[in-house]
C-alpha atoms as a PDB file:
ATOM      1  CA  MET A   1     100.522 114.697  90.491  1.00  0.00           C
ATOM      2  CA  ASN A   2     102.833 112.083  91.980  1.00  0.00           C
ATOM      3  CA  VAL A   3     102.558 108.288  91.892  1.00  0.00           C
ATOM      4  CA  PHE A   4     100.817 108.299  95.277  1.00  0.00           C
ATOM      5  CA  ASP A   5      97.848 110.174  93.780  1.00  0.00           C
ATOM      6  CA  ASN A   6      97.053 107.347  91.363  1.00  0.00           C
ATOM      7  CA  LEU A   7      94.953 104.338  92.261  1.00  0.00           C
ATOM      8  CA  PRO A   8      96.702 100.997  91.636  1.00  0.00           C
ATOM      9  CA  VAL A   9      94.038  99.848  89.137  1.00  0.00           C
ATOM     10  CA  ASP A  10      91.645 101.912  87.038  1.00  0.00           C
ATOM     11  CA  PHE A  11      88.737  99.476  86.895  1.00  0.00           C
ATOM     12  CA  GLN A  12      86.876 101.605  84.355  1.00  0.00           C
ATOM     13  CA  SER A  13      89.638 101.017  81.803  1.00  0.00           C
ATOM     14  CA  LYS A  14      89.755  97.262  82.489  1.00  0.00           C
ATOM     15  CA  ILE A  15      86.202  96.453  81.361  1.00  0.00           C
ATOM     16  CA  ILE A  16      86.193  95.171  77.788  1.00  0.00           C
ATOM     17  CA  GLY A  17      82.979  93.509  76.690  1.00  0.00           C
ATOM     18  CA  THR A  18      80.989  91.511  79.214  1.00  0.00           C
ATOM     19  CA  PRO A  19      82.655  90.919  82.604  1.00  0.00           C
ATOM     20  CA  VAL A  20      83.638  87.275  83.156  1.00  0.00           C
ATOM     21  CA  PHE A  21      82.736  87.330  86.846  1.00  0.00           C
ATOM     22  CA  THR A  22      80.734  89.422  89.265  1.00  0.00           C
ATOM     23  CA  ILE A  23      81.417  90.667  92.750  1.00  0.00           C
ATOM     24  CA  LYS A  24      78.836  90.903  95.493  1.00  0.00           C
ATOM     25  CA  ALA A  25      78.027  94.429  96.604  1.00  0.00           C
ATOM     26  CA  ALA A  26      78.679  93.385 100.227  1.00  0.00           C
ATOM     27  CA  ASP A  27      82.193  92.166  99.305  1.00  0.00           C
ATOM     28  CA  LEU A  28      82.941  95.380  97.435  1.00  0.00           C
ATOM     29  CA  MET A  29      81.739  97.475 100.374  1.00  0.00           C
ATOM     30  CA  ALA A  30      83.900  95.393 102.738  1.00  0.00           C
ATOM     31  CA  ASN A  31      86.935  96.196 100.569  1.00  0.00           C
ATOM     32  CA  PHE A  32      86.181  99.922 100.668  1.00  0.00           C
ATOM     33  CA  ALA A  33      85.541  99.834 104.419  1.00  0.00           C
ATOM     34  CA  ASP A  34      88.873  98.069 104.924  1.00  0.00           C
ATOM     35  CA  ALA A  35      90.706 100.725 102.881  1.00  0.00           C
ATOM     36  CA  LYS A  36      88.936 103.755 104.405  1.00  0.00           C
ATOM     37  CA  LEU A  37      91.120 106.208 106.269  1.00  0.00           C
ATOM     38  CA  ILE A  38      89.622 106.776 109.717  1.00  0.00           C
ATOM     39  CA  VAL A  39      90.940 109.969 111.276  1.00  0.00           C
ATOM     40  CA  HIS A  40      89.428 113.186 112.553  1.00  0.00           C
ATOM     41  CA  ASP A  41      88.297 115.438 109.675  1.00  0.00           C
ATOM     42  CA  SER A  42      90.610 118.247 110.826  1.00  0.00           C
ATOM     43  CA  TRP A  43      93.589 116.005 109.957  1.00  0.00           C
ATOM     44  CA  THR A  44      92.506 115.525 106.326  1.00  0.00           C
ATOM     45  CA  GLU A  45      92.009 117.622 103.234  1.00  0.00           C
ATOM     46  CA  PRO A  46      89.882 116.884 100.165  1.00  0.00           C
ATOM     47  CA  VAL A  47      91.622 115.719  96.981  1.00  0.00           C
ATOM     48  CA  LEU A  48      90.607 114.308  93.609  1.00  0.00           C
ATOM     49  CA  ILE A  49      92.101 110.967  92.567  1.00  0.00           C
ATOM     50  CA  ASN A  50      91.283 109.894  89.015  1.00  0.00           C
ATOM     51  CA  ASN A  51      88.371 112.376  89.146  1.00  0.00           C
ATOM     52  CA  HIS A  52      86.954 110.756  92.305  1.00  0.00           C
ATOM     53  CA  ALA A  53      86.607 112.657  95.574  1.00  0.00           C
ATOM     54  CA  SER A  54      88.875 111.414  98.324  1.00  0.00           C
ATOM     55  CA  ARG A  55      90.725 112.661 101.418  1.00  0.00           C
ATOM     56  CA  LYS A  56      94.424 113.035 102.069  1.00  0.00           C
ATOM     57  CA  LEU A  57      96.059 112.944 105.492  1.00  0.00           C
ATOM     58  CA  LYS A  58      97.618 116.310 106.275  1.00  0.00           C
ATOM     59  CA  ILE A  59     101.052 115.732 107.753  1.00  0.00           C
ATOM     60  CA  PRO A  60     103.885 118.218 108.003  1.00  0.00           C
ATOM     61  CA  ALA A  61     106.656 117.984 105.408  1.00  0.00           C
ATOM     62  CA  VAL A  62     109.023 115.150 106.229  1.00  0.00           C
ATOM     63  CA  PRO A  63     112.419 116.408 107.439  1.00  0.00           C
ATOM     64  CA  THR A  64     115.186 115.731 104.930  1.00  0.00           C
ATOM     65  CA  THR A  65     117.986 115.207 107.449  1.00  0.00           C
ATOM     66  CA  GLY A  66     118.246 113.446 110.785  1.00  0.00           C
ATOM     67  CA  THR A  67     115.975 110.892 112.430  1.00  0.00           C
ATOM     68  CA  HIS A  68     112.449 111.943 113.368  1.00  0.00           C
ATOM     69  CA  ILE A  69     109.190 110.448 114.580  1.00  0.00           C
ATOM     70  CA  LEU A  70     105.712 111.747 113.793  1.00  0.00           C
ATOM     71  CA  ALA A  71     103.871 112.706 116.976  1.00  0.00           C
ATOM     72  CA  ALA A  72     100.823 114.607 118.143  1.00  0.00           C
ATOM     73  CA  VAL A  73     101.822 117.522 120.376  1.00  0.00           C
ATOM     74  CA  ASN A  74      98.937 119.434 121.920  1.00  0.00           C
ATOM     75  CA  GLY A  75      96.642 118.130 119.166  1.00  0.00           C
ATOM     76  CA  THR A  76      98.955 119.068 116.281  1.00  0.00           C
ATOM     77  CA  LEU A  77     100.937 116.593 114.184  1.00  0.00           C
ATOM     78  CA  THR A  78     104.649 117.401 114.211  1.00  0.00           C
ATOM     79  CA  TRP A  79     107.989 115.718 113.576  1.00  0.00           C
ATOM     80  CA  LEU A  80     110.165 115.264 116.668  1.00  0.00           C
ATOM     81  CA  ALA A  81     113.911 114.873 116.297  1.00  0.00           C
ATOM     82  CA  THR A  82     115.276 111.716 117.895  1.00  0.00           C
ATOM     83  CA  GLU A  83     118.520 109.758 118.030  1.00  0.00           C
ATOM     84  CA  ALA A  84     119.269 107.384 115.188  1.00  0.00           C
ATOM     85  CA  CYS A  85     118.438 103.781 116.001  1.00  0.00           C
END
């Protein structure tokens, strides 16, 4: 597991005693809606993050040399070589 598989805050571990404030369900849902990845299902794969189901964007391995851009070619994500900027 790399650092990108971990959520920034584990809220379950932060609760000690009685919470000092509450959050409205609508506000919490707005936060999740804002963070939701919206892409076609064929471009994602299921993953577990902190034992919670999630999805990860499937992108080809990033080239280690040269300058590239990520593009969709005939419906498939691919890295295209380009000139350095």
